[in-house]
Amino acid sequence: MSEVYKALADPTRRHILEMLRQSEMSAGQIADRVQVSKPTLSGHLNVLKAAELVDVTRQGTTLIYRLNTSVLEEAIFALMNAFRIGLAAPADIKGGISNAEN
């Protein structure tokens, strides 16, 4: 999971994921919209692939990138769980019932 968080930490990679949320794209299409050198873009795409945030298929000589939403969802749920977001409040220590039941 740390590879996913590392990948999400970079604004350029988050921008790439936002674009892929709209539709699959070739590396060339991504390069046209991201203001980095091709070697730098390649590095960003490799980080996203290593984190399994993108799926890559080959169509002839073209690589097509797609957002892998299941890995992204898993990372979000892990963060929510780590910070106990969305979990029921602990039981009231004195009364043994949650505040919602009072």
PDB file of N, CA and C in Angstrom:
ATOM      1  N   MET A   1       0.819  -1.197   0.000  1.00  0.00           N
ATOM      2  CA  MET A   1       0.000   0.000   0.000  1.00  0.00           C
ATOM      3  C   MET A   1       0.860   1.256   0.000  1.00  0.00           C
ATOM      4  N   SER A   2       2.081   1.181   0.535  1.00  0.00           N
ATOM      5  CA  SER A   2       2.930   2.371   0.581  1.00  0.00           C
ATOM      6  C   SER A   2       3.283   2.859  -0.825  1.00  0.00           C
ATOM      7  N   GLU A   3       3.381   1.938  -1.804  1.00  0.00           N
ATOM      8  CA  GLU A   3       3.651   2.363  -3.185  1.00  0.00           C
ATOM      9  C   GLU A   3       2.494   3.194  -3.729  1.00  0.00           C
ATOM     10  N   VAL A   4       1.281   2.843  -3.335  1.00  0.00           N
ATOM     11  CA  VAL A   4       0.104   3.601  -3.781  1.00  0.00           C
ATOM     12  C   VAL A   4       0.161   5.014  -3.214  1.00  0.00           C
ATOM     13  N   TYR A   5       0.434   5.125  -1.916  1.00  0.00           N
ATOM     14  CA  TYR A   5       0.491   6.453  -1.297  1.00  0.00           C
ATOM     15  C   TYR A   5       1.640   7.277  -1.863  1.00  0.00           C
ATOM     16  N   LYS A   6       2.772   6.641  -2.143  1.00  0.00           N
ATOM     17  CA  LYS A   6       3.906   7.340  -2.766  1.00  0.00           C
ATOM     18  C   LYS A   6       3.486   7.868  -4.137  1.00  0.00           C
ATOM     19  N   ALA A   7       2.787   7.038  -4.899  1.00  0.00           N
ATOM     20  CA  ALA A   7       2.352   7.454  -6.234  1.00  0.00           C
ATOM     21  C   ALA A   7       1.373   8.620  -6.153  1.00  0.00           C
ATOM     22  N   LEU A   8       0.483   8.576  -5.176  1.00  0.00           N
ATOM     23  CA  LEU A   8      -0.529   9.628  -5.032  1.00  0.00           C
ATOM     24  C   LEU A   8       0.037  10.928  -4.471  1.00  0.00           C
ATOM     25  N   ALA A   9       1.231  10.878  -3.912  1.00  0.00           N
ATOM     26  CA  ALA A   9       1.828  12.063  -3.295  1.00  0.00           C
ATOM     27  C   ALA A   9       2.262  13.110  -4.313  1.00  0.00           C
ATOM     28  N   ASP A  10       2.463  12.718  -5.541  1.00  0.00           N
ATOM     29  CA  ASP A  10       2.977  13.644  -6.560  1.00  0.00           C
ATOM     30  C   ASP A  10       1.837  14.296  -7.334  1.00  0.00           C
ATOM     31  N   PRO A  11       1.821  15.620  -7.452  1.00  0.00           N
ATOM     32  CA  PRO A  11       0.723  16.299  -8.163  1.00  0.00           C
ATOM     33  C   PRO A  11       0.627  15.940  -9.647  1.00  0.00           C
ATOM     34  N   THR A  12       1.748  15.693 -10.297  1.00  0.00           N
ATOM     35  CA  THR A  12       1.700  15.311 -11.708  1.00  0.00           C
ATOM     36  C   THR A  12       1.027  13.954 -11.868  1.00  0.00           C
ATOM     37  N   ARG A  13       1.362  13.012 -11.000  1.00  0.00           N
ATOM     38  CA  ARG A  13       0.733  11.691 -11.084  1.00  0.00           C
ATOM     39  C   ARG A  13      -0.755  11.770 -10.751  1.00  0.00           C
ATOM     40  N   ARG A  14      -1.130  12.629  -9.795  1.00  0.00           N
ATOM     41  CA  ARG A  14      -2.557  12.803  -9.504  1.00  0.00           C
ATOM     42  C   ARG A  14      -3.279  13.389 -10.711  1.00  0.00           C
ATOM     43  N   HIS A  15      -2.626  14.309 -11.406  1.00  0.00           N
ATOM     44  CA  HIS A  15      -3.214  14.895 -12.617  1.00  0.00           C
ATOM     45  C   HIS A  15      -3.413  13.824 -13.695  1.00  0.00           C
ATOM     46  N   ILE A  16      -2.440  12.960 -13.857  1.00  0.00           N
ATOM     47  CA  ILE A  16      -2.553  11.865 -14.828  1.00  0.00           C
ATOM     48  C   ILE A  16      -3.738  10.976 -14.465  1.00  0.00           C
ATOM     49  N   LEU A  17      -3.878  10.646 -13.185  1.00  0.00           N
ATOM     50  CA  LEU A  17      -4.999   9.805 -12.755  1.00  0.00           C
ATOM     51  C   LEU A  17      -6.340  10.495 -12.997  1.00  0.00           C
ATOM     52  N   GLU A  18      -6.388  11.805 -12.780  1.00  0.00           N
ATOM     53  CA  GLU A  18      -7.617  12.563 -13.065  1.00  0.00           C
ATOM     54  C   GLU A  18      -7.977  12.474 -14.543  1.00  0.00           C
ATOM     55  N   MET A  19      -6.982  12.589 -15.405  1.00  0.00           N
ATOM     56  CA  MET A  19      -7.238  12.487 -16.850  1.00  0.00           C
ATOM     57  C   MET A  19      -7.727  11.093 -17.215  1.00  0.00           C
ATOM     58  N   LEU A  20      -7.110  10.070 -16.609  1.00  0.00           N
ATOM     59  CA  LEU A  20      -7.492   8.695 -16.917  1.00  0.00           C
ATOM     60  C   LEU A  20      -8.865   8.351 -16.338  1.00  0.00           C
ATOM     61  N   ARG A  21      -9.311   9.105 -15.362  1.00  0.00           N
ATOM     62  CA  ARG A  21     -10.657   8.903 -14.822  1.00  0.00           C
ATOM     63  C   ARG A  21     -11.700   9.229 -15.891  1.00  0.00           C
ATOM     64  N   GLN A  22     -11.369  10.167 -16.755  1.00  0.00           N
ATOM     65  CA  GLN A  22     -12.280  10.564 -17.828  1.00  0.00           C
ATOM     66  C   GLN A  22     -12.310   9.538 -18.959  1.00  0.00           C
ATOM     67  N   SER A  23     -11.128   9.039 -19.335  1.00  0.00           N
ATOM     68  CA  SER A  23     -11.050   8.034 -20.405  1.00  0.00           C
ATOM     69  C   SER A  23      -9.638   7.460 -20.470  1.00  0.00           C
ATOM     70  N   GLU A  24      -9.545   6.292 -21.087  1.00  0.00           N
ATOM     71  CA  GLU A  24      -8.223   5.708 -21.298  1.00  0.00           C
ATOM     72  C   GLU A  24      -7.461   6.593 -22.273  1.00  0.00           C
ATOM     73  N   MET A  25      -6.137   6.569 -22.170  1.00  0.00           N
ATOM     74  CA  MET A  25      -5.305   7.427 -23.015  1.00  0.00           C
ATOM     75  C   MET A  25      -4.012   6.717 -23.369  1.00  0.00           C
ATOM     76  N   SER A  26      -3.474   7.088 -24.523  1.00  0.00           N
ATOM     77  CA  SER A  26      -2.144   6.597 -24.894  1.00  0.00           C
ATOM     78  C   SER A  26      -1.101   7.459 -24.190  1.00  0.00           C
ATOM     79  N   ALA A  27       0.119   6.953 -24.162  1.00  0.00           N
ATOM     80  CA  ALA A  27       1.206   7.718 -23.556  1.00  0.00           C
ATOM     81  C   ALA A  27       1.390   9.049 -24.286  1.00  0.00           C
ATOM     82  N   GLY A  28       1.220   9.046 -25.591  1.00  0.00           N
ATOM     83  CA  GLY A  28       1.339  10.278 -26.370  1.00  0.00           C
ATOM     84  C   GLY A  28       0.264  11.296 -26.016  1.00  0.00           C
ATOM     85  N   GLN A  29      -0.960  10.830 -25.804  1.00  0.00           N
ATOM     86  CA  GLN A  29      -2.047  11.733 -25.414  1.00  0.00           C
ATOM     87  C   GLN A  29      -1.787  12.327 -24.032  1.00  0.00           C
ATOM     88  N   ILE A  30      -1.258  11.508 -23.144  1.00  0.00           N
ATOM     89  CA  ILE A  30      -0.925  12.010 -21.808  1.00  0.00           C
ATOM     90  C   ILE A  30       0.189  13.048 -21.924  1.00  0.00           C
ATOM     91  N   ALA A  31       1.206  12.754 -22.734  1.00  0.00           N
ATOM     92  CA  ALA A  31       2.343  13.664 -22.904  1.00  0.00           C
ATOM     93  C   ALA A  31       1.896  15.018 -23.454  1.00  0.00           C
ATOM     94  N   ASP A  32       0.868  15.026 -24.311  1.00  0.00           N
ATOM     95  CA  ASP A  32       0.365  16.282 -24.864  1.00  0.00           C
ATOM     96  C   ASP A  32      -0.266  17.175 -23.803  1.00  0.00           C
ATOM     97  N   ARG A  33      -0.720  16.572 -22.688  1.00  0.00           N
ATOM     98  CA  ARG A  33      -1.444  17.333 -21.662  1.00  0.00           C
ATOM     99  C   ARG A  33      -0.637  17.584 -20.386  1.00  0.00           C
ATOM    100  N   VAL A  34       0.497  16.925 -20.264  1.00  0.00           N
ATOM    101  CA  VAL A  34       1.312  17.066 -19.056  1.00  0.00           C
ATOM    102  C   VAL A  34       2.607  17.773 -19.445  1.00  0.00           C
ATOM    103  N   GLN A  35       2.938  18.813 -18.723  1.00  0.00           N
ATOM    104  CA  GLN A  35       4.092  19.635 -19.074  1.00  0.00           C
ATOM    105  C   GLN A  35       5.375  19.132 -18.409  1.00  0.00           C
ATOM    106  N   VAL A  36       5.784  17.925 -18.800  1.00  0.00           N
ATOM    107  CA  VAL A  36       7.058  17.365 -18.326  1.00  0.00           C
ATOM    108  C   VAL A  36       7.753  16.725 -19.521  1.00  0.00           C
ATOM    109  N   SER A  37       9.037  16.473 -19.377  1.00  0.00           N
ATOM    110  CA  SER A  37       9.778  15.814 -20.457  1.00  0.00           C
ATOM    111  C   SER A  37       9.301  14.375 -20.603  1.00  0.00           C
ATOM    112  N   LYS A  38       9.567  13.799 -21.758  1.00  0.00           N
ATOM    113  CA  LYS A  38       9.137  12.411 -21.979  1.00  0.00           C
ATOM    114  C   LYS A  38       9.804  11.434 -21.009  1.00  0.00           C
ATOM    115  N   PRO A  39      11.093  11.584 -20.702  1.00  0.00           N
ATOM    116  CA  PRO A  39      11.685  10.675 -19.706  1.00  0.00           C
ATOM    117  C   PRO A  39      11.042  10.831 -18.317  1.00  0.00           C
ATOM    118  N   THR A  40      10.710  12.065 -17.950  1.00  0.00           N
ATOM    119  CA  THR A  40      10.052  12.299 -16.660  1.00  0.00           C
ATOM    120  C   THR A  40       8.666  11.685 -16.657  1.00  0.00           C
ATOM    121  N   LEU A  41       7.931  11.858 -17.759  1.00  0.00           N
ATOM    122  CA  LEU A  41       6.602  11.256 -17.869  1.00  0.00           C
ATOM    123  C   LEU A  41       6.695   9.736 -17.776  1.00  0.00           C
ATOM    124  N   SER A  42       7.664   9.167 -18.437  1.00  0.00           N
ATOM    125  CA  SER A  42       7.864   7.723 -18.383  1.00  0.00           C
ATOM    126  C   SER A  42       8.086   7.265 -16.944  1.00  0.00           C
ATOM    127  N   GLY A  43       8.859   8.038 -16.196  1.00  0.00           N
ATOM    128  CA  GLY A  43       9.088   7.714 -14.786  1.00  0.00           C
ATOM    129  C   GLY A  43       7.793   7.767 -13.978  1.00  0.00           C
ATOM    130  N   HIS A  44       6.975   8.794 -14.221  1.00  0.00           N
ATOM    131  CA  HIS A  44       5.684   8.911 -13.530  1.00  0.00           C
ATOM    132  C   HIS A  44       4.781   7.723 -13.870  1.00  0.00           C
ATOM    133  N   LEU A  45       4.728   7.367 -15.140  1.00  0.00           N
ATOM    134  CA  LEU A  45       3.881   6.240 -15.552  1.00  0.00           C
ATOM    135  C   LEU A  45       4.381   4.929 -14.954  1.00  0.00           C
ATOM    136  N   ASN A  46       5.693   4.775 -14.834  1.00  0.00           N
ATOM    137  CA  ASN A  46       6.247   3.563 -14.215  1.00  0.00           C
ATOM    138  C   ASN A  46       5.876   3.472 -12.735  1.00  0.00           C
ATOM    139  N   VAL A  47       5.881   4.612 -12.035  1.00  0.00           N
ATOM    140  CA  VAL A  47       5.483   4.624 -10.622  1.00  0.00           C
ATOM    141  C   VAL A  47       4.006   4.235 -10.501  1.00  0.00           C
ATOM    142  N   LEU A  48       3.164   4.781 -11.383  1.00  0.00           N
ATOM    143  CA  LEU A  48       1.734   4.451 -11.358  1.00  0.00           C
ATOM    144  C   LEU A  48       1.504   2.974 -11.674  1.00  0.00           C
ATOM    145  N   LYS A  49       2.278   2.432 -12.617  1.00  0.00           N
ATOM    146  CA  LYS A  49       2.160   0.998 -12.941  1.00  0.00           C
ATOM    147  C   LYS A  49       2.611   0.138 -11.767  1.00  0.00           C
ATOM    148  N   ALA A  50       3.737   0.504 -11.142  1.00  0.00           N
ATOM    149  CA  ALA A  50       4.255  -0.273 -10.013  1.00  0.00           C
ATOM    150  C   ALA A  50       3.262  -0.290  -8.850  1.00  0.00           C
ATOM    151  N   ALA A  51       2.538   0.804  -8.679  1.00  0.00           N
ATOM    152  CA  ALA A  51       1.528   0.892  -7.622  1.00  0.00           C
ATOM    153  C   ALA A  51       0.209   0.252  -8.048  1.00  0.00           C
ATOM    154  N   GLU A  52       0.156  -0.213  -9.285  1.00  0.00           N
ATOM    155  CA  GLU A  52      -1.040  -0.836  -9.872  1.00  0.00           C
ATOM    156  C   GLU A  52      -2.232   0.113  -9.929  1.00  0.00           C
ATOM    157  N   LEU A  53      -1.949   1.417  -9.984  1.00  0.00           N
ATOM    158  CA  LEU A  53      -3.016   2.402 -10.119  1.00  0.00           C
ATOM    159  C   LEU A  53      -3.481   2.537 -11.562  1.00  0.00           C
ATOM    160  N   VAL A  54      -2.647   2.068 -12.491  1.00  0.00           N
ATOM    161  CA  VAL A  54      -3.035   2.065 -13.901  1.00  0.00           C
ATOM    162  C   VAL A  54      -2.820   0.675 -14.481  1.00  0.00           C
ATOM    163  N   ASP A  55      -3.673   0.335 -15.426  1.00  0.00           N
ATOM    164  CA  ASP A  55      -3.507  -0.877 -16.224  1.00  0.00           C
ATOM    165  C   ASP A  55      -3.018  -0.442 -17.591  1.00  0.00           C
ATOM    166  N   VAL A  56      -2.136  -1.216 -18.176  1.00  0.00           N
ATOM    167  CA  VAL A  56      -1.564  -0.876 -19.474  1.00  0.00           C
ATOM    168  C   VAL A  56      -1.801  -2.022 -20.446  1.00  0.00           C
ATOM    169  N   THR A  57      -2.294  -1.681 -21.626  1.00  0.00           N
ATOM    170  CA  THR A  57      -2.430  -2.662 -22.697  1.00  0.00           C
ATOM    171  C   THR A  57      -1.725  -2.118 -23.927  1.00  0.00           C
ATOM    172  N   ARG A  58      -1.305  -3.033 -24.765  1.00  0.00           N
ATOM    173  CA  ARG A  58      -0.608  -2.642 -25.984  1.00  0.00           C
ATOM    174  C   ARG A  58      -1.551  -2.818 -27.168  1.00  0.00           C
ATOM    175  N   GLN A  59      -1.655  -1.764 -27.973  1.00  0.00           N
ATOM    176  CA  GLN A  59      -2.387  -1.827 -29.235  1.00  0.00           C
ATOM    177  C   GLN A  59      -1.387  -1.505 -30.336  1.00  0.00           C
ATOM    178  N   GLY A  60      -0.850  -2.547 -30.933  1.00  0.00           N
ATOM    179  CA  GLY A  60       0.224  -2.357 -31.908  1.00  0.00           C
ATOM    180  C   GLY A  60       1.463  -1.861 -31.189  1.00  0.00           C
ATOM    181  N   THR A  61       1.916  -0.667 -31.561  1.00  0.00           N
ATOM    182  CA  THR A  61       3.093  -0.087 -30.914  1.00  0.00           C
ATOM    183  C   THR A  61       2.707   0.932 -29.842  1.00  0.00           C
ATOM    184  N   THR A  62       1.410   1.098 -29.612  1.00  0.00           N
ATOM    185  CA  THR A  62       0.917   2.114 -28.675  1.00  0.00           C
ATOM    186  C   THR A  62       0.537   1.483 -27.343  1.00  0.00           C
ATOM    187  N   LEU A  63       0.973   2.121 -26.266  1.00  0.00           N
ATOM    188  CA  LEU A  63       0.566   1.701 -24.925  1.00  0.00           C
ATOM    189  C   LEU A  63      -0.646   2.514 -24.504  1.00  0.00           C
ATOM    190  N   ILE A  64      -1.691   1.821 -24.059  1.00  0.00           N
ATOM    191  CA  ILE A  64      -2.924   2.472 -23.628  1.00  0.00           C
ATOM    192  C   ILE A  64      -3.024   2.327 -22.105  1.00  0.00           C
ATOM    193  N   TYR A  65      -3.244   3.450 -21.422  1.00  0.00           N
ATOM    194  CA  TYR A  65      -3.323   3.483 -19.966  1.00  0.00           C
ATOM    195  C   TYR A  65      -4.765   3.661 -19.521  1.00  0.00           C
ATOM    196  N   ARG A  66      -5.154   2.910 -18.481  1.00  0.00           N
ATOM    197  CA  ARG A  66      -6.489   2.990 -17.878  1.00  0.00           C
ATOM    198  C   ARG A  66      -6.338   3.091 -16.377  1.00  0.00           C
ATOM    199  N   LEU A  67      -7.221   3.835 -15.747  1.00  0.00           N
ATOM    200  CA  LEU A  67      -7.244   3.932 -14.293  1.00  0.00           C
ATOM    201  C   LEU A  67      -7.725   2.613 -13.703  1.00  0.00           C
ATOM    202  N   ASN A  68      -7.019   2.108 -12.720  1.00  0.00           N
ATOM    203  CA  ASN A  68      -7.420   0.899 -12.003  1.00  0.00           C
ATOM    204  C   ASN A  68      -8.136   1.356 -10.731  1.00  0.00           C
ATOM    205  N   THR A  69      -9.441   1.494 -10.818  1.00  0.00           N
ATOM    206  CA  THR A  69     -10.202   2.055  -9.700  1.00  0.00           C
ATOM    207  C   THR A  69     -10.202   1.161  -8.474  1.00  0.00           C
ATOM    208  N   SER A  70     -10.080  -0.144  -8.644  1.00  0.00           N
ATOM    209  CA  SER A  70     -10.133  -1.029  -7.475  1.00  0.00           C
ATOM    210  C   SER A  70      -8.965  -0.770  -6.523  1.00  0.00           C
ATOM    211  N   VAL A  71      -7.784  -0.515  -7.045  1.00  0.00           N
ATOM    212  CA  VAL A  71      -6.630  -0.224  -6.187  1.00  0.00           C
ATOM    213  C   VAL A  71      -6.817   1.131  -5.508  1.00  0.00           C
ATOM    214  N   LEU A  72      -7.344   2.095  -6.235  1.00  0.00           N
ATOM    215  CA  LEU A  72      -7.588   3.413  -5.662  1.00  0.00           C
ATOM    216  C   LEU A  72      -8.628   3.326  -4.541  1.00  0.00           C
ATOM    217  N   GLU A  73      -9.690   2.587  -4.766  1.00  0.00           N
ATOM    218  CA  GLU A  73     -10.718   2.405  -3.735  1.00  0.00           C
ATOM    219  C   GLU A  73     -10.136   1.723  -2.503  1.00  0.00           C
ATOM    220  N   GLU A  74      -9.309   0.719  -2.719  1.00  0.00           N
ATOM    221  CA  GLU A  74      -8.680   0.003  -1.606  1.00  0.00           C
ATOM    222  C   GLU A  74      -7.833   0.956  -0.766  1.00  0.00           C
ATOM    223  N   ALA A  75      -7.099   1.852  -1.417  1.00  0.00           N
ATOM    224  CA  ALA A  75      -6.263   2.817  -0.698  1.00  0.00           C
ATOM    225  C   ALA A  75      -7.126   3.790   0.101  1.00  0.00           C
ATOM    226  N   ILE A  76      -8.221   4.218  -0.486  1.00  0.00           N
ATOM    227  CA  ILE A  76      -9.125   5.140   0.216  1.00  0.00           C
ATOM    228  C   ILE A  76      -9.724   4.465   1.443  1.00  0.00           C
ATOM    229  N   PHE A  77     -10.194   3.228   1.286  1.00  0.00           N
ATOM    230  CA  PHE A  77     -10.770   2.507   2.417  1.00  0.00           C
ATOM    231  C   PHE A  77      -9.731   2.261   3.512  1.00  0.00           C
ATOM    232  N   ALA A  78      -8.498   1.976   3.122  1.00  0.00           N
ATOM    233  CA  ALA A  78      -7.439   1.759   4.112  1.00  0.00           C
ATOM    234  C   ALA A  78      -7.176   3.034   4.910  1.00  0.00           C
ATOM    235  N   LEU A  79      -7.159   4.176   4.231  1.00  0.00           N
ATOM    236  CA  LEU A  79      -6.976   5.456   4.933  1.00  0.00           C
ATOM    237  C   LEU A  79      -8.142   5.738   5.864  1.00  0.00           C
ATOM    238  N   MET A  80      -9.360   5.508   5.369  1.00  0.00           N
ATOM    239  CA  MET A  80     -10.537   5.735   6.197  1.00  0.00           C
ATOM    240  C   MET A  80     -10.493   4.853   7.440  1.00  0.00           C
ATOM    241  N   ASN A  81     -10.096   3.614   7.274  1.00  0.00           N
ATOM    242  CA  ASN A  81     -10.002   2.696   8.393  1.00  0.00           C
ATOM    243  C   ASN A  81      -8.901   3.125   9.370  1.00  0.00           C
ATOM    244  N   ALA A  82      -7.771   3.553   8.837  1.00  0.00           N
ATOM    245  CA  ALA A  82      -6.658   3.970   9.691  1.00  0.00           C
ATOM    246  C   ALA A  82      -7.044   5.156  10.569  1.00  0.00           C
ATOM    247  N   PHE A  83      -7.867   6.053  10.027  1.00  0.00           N
ATOM    248  CA  PHE A  83      -8.287   7.233  10.774  1.00  0.00           C
ATOM    249  C   PHE A  83      -9.685   7.081  11.374  1.00  0.00           C
ATOM    250  N   ARG A  84     -10.215   5.854  11.284  1.00  0.00           N
ATOM    251  CA  ARG A  84     -11.500   5.498  11.860  1.00  0.00           C
ATOM    252  C   ARG A  84     -12.624   6.400  11.343  1.00  0.00           C
ATOM    253  N   ILE A  85     -12.554   6.773  10.076  1.00  0.00           N
ATOM    254  CA  ILE A  85     -13.581   7.591   9.444  1.00  0.00           C
ATOM    255  C   ILE A  85     -14.738   6.687   9.045  1.00  0.00           C
ATOM    256  N   GLY A  86     -15.945   7.054   9.461  1.00  0.00           N
ATOM    257  CA  GLY A  86     -17.123   6.283   9.098  1.00  0.00           C
ATOM    258  C   GLY A  86     -17.433   5.136  10.033  1.00  0.00           C
ATOM    259  N   LEU A  87     -16.620   4.949  11.065  1.00  0.00           N
ATOM    260  CA  LEU A  87     -16.882   3.885  12.027  1.00  0.00           C
ATOM    261  C   LEU A  87     -17.766   4.414  13.143  1.00  0.00           C
ATOM    262  N   ALA A  88     -18.531   3.542  13.758  1.00  0.00           N
ATOM    263  CA  ALA A  88     -19.409   3.929  14.850  1.00  0.00           C
ATOM    264  C   ALA A  88     -18.587   4.473  16.012  1.00  0.00           C
ATOM    265  N   ALA A  89     -19.188   5.392  16.746  1.00  0.00           N
ATOM    266  CA  ALA A  89     -18.529   5.955  17.918  1.00  0.00           C
ATOM    267  C   ALA A  89     -18.370   4.877  18.973  1.00  0.00           C
ATOM    268  N   PRO A  90     -17.280   4.918  19.732  1.00  0.00           N
ATOM    269  CA  PRO A  90     -17.104   3.915  20.781  1.00  0.00           C
ATOM    270  C   PRO A  90     -18.187   4.044  21.843  1.00  0.00           C
ATOM    271  N   ALA A  91     -18.435   2.971  22.549  1.00  0.00           N
ATOM    272  CA  ALA A  91     -19.460   2.975  23.598  1.00  0.00           C
ATOM    273  C   ALA A  91     -19.094   3.960  24.694  1.00  0.00           C
ATOM    274  N   ASP A  92     -20.111   4.586  25.250  1.00  0.00           N
ATOM    275  CA  ASP A  92     -19.922   5.498  26.367  1.00  0.00           C
ATOM    276  C   ASP A  92     -19.330   4.709  27.522  1.00  0.00           C
ATOM    277  N   ILE A  93     -18.220   5.147  28.052  1.00  0.00           N
ATOM    278  CA  ILE A  93     -17.511   4.395  29.091  1.00  0.00           C
ATOM    279  C   ILE A  93     -18.374   4.228  30.342  1.00  0.00           C
ATOM    280  N   LYS A  94     -19.082   5.269  30.760  1.00  0.00           N
ATOM    281  CA  LYS A  94     -19.879   5.186  31.990  1.00  0.00           C
ATOM    282  C   LYS A  94     -21.131   4.333  31.797  1.00  0.00           C
ATOM    283  N   GLY A  95     -21.896   4.603  30.750  1.00  0.00           N
ATOM    284  CA  GLY A  95     -23.179   3.933  30.595  1.00  0.00           C
ATOM    285  C   GLY A  95     -23.140   2.670  29.772  1.00  0.00           C
ATOM    286  N   GLY A  96     -22.042   2.434  29.048  1.00  0.00           N
ATOM    287  CA  GLY A  96     -21.942   1.235  28.233  1.00  0.00           C
ATOM    288  C   GLY A  96     -22.769   1.270  26.959  1.00  0.00           C
ATOM    289  N   ILE A  97     -23.315   2.436  26.603  1.00  0.00           N
ATOM    290  CA  ILE A  97     -24.059   2.576  25.345  1.00  0.00           C
ATOM    291  C   ILE A  97     -23.489   3.754  24.579  1.00  0.00           C
ATOM    292  N   SER A  98     -23.666   3.738  23.297  1.00  0.00           N
ATOM    293  CA  SER A  98     -23.111   4.818  22.491  1.00  0.00           C
ATOM    294  C   SER A  98     -23.935   6.082  22.682  1.00  0.00           C
ATOM    295  N   ASN A  99     -23.314   7.216  22.380  1.00  0.00           N
ATOM    296  CA  ASN A  99     -23.988   8.508  22.507  1.00  0.00           C
ATOM    297  C   ASN A  99     -25.198   8.604  21.599  1.00  0.00           C
ATOM    298  N   ALA A 100     -25.209   7.893  20.484  1.00  0.00           N
ATOM    299  CA  ALA A 100     -26.315   7.934  19.543  1.00  0.00           C
ATOM    300  C   ALA A 100     -27.586   7.329  20.146  1.00  0.00           C
ATOM    301  N   GLU A 101     -27.409   6.462  21.116  1.00  0.00           N
ATOM    302  CA  GLU A 101     -28.568   5.810  21.735  1.00  0.00           C
ATOM    303  C   GLU A 101     -29.113   6.620  22.894  1.00  0.00           C
ATOM    304  N   ASN A 102     -28.392   7.629  23.354  1.00  0.00           N
ATOM    305  CA  ASN A 102     -28.843   8.449  24.485  1.00  0.00           C
ATOM    306  C   ASN A 102     -29.926   9.398  24.085  1.00  0.00           C
TER     307      ASN A 102
END
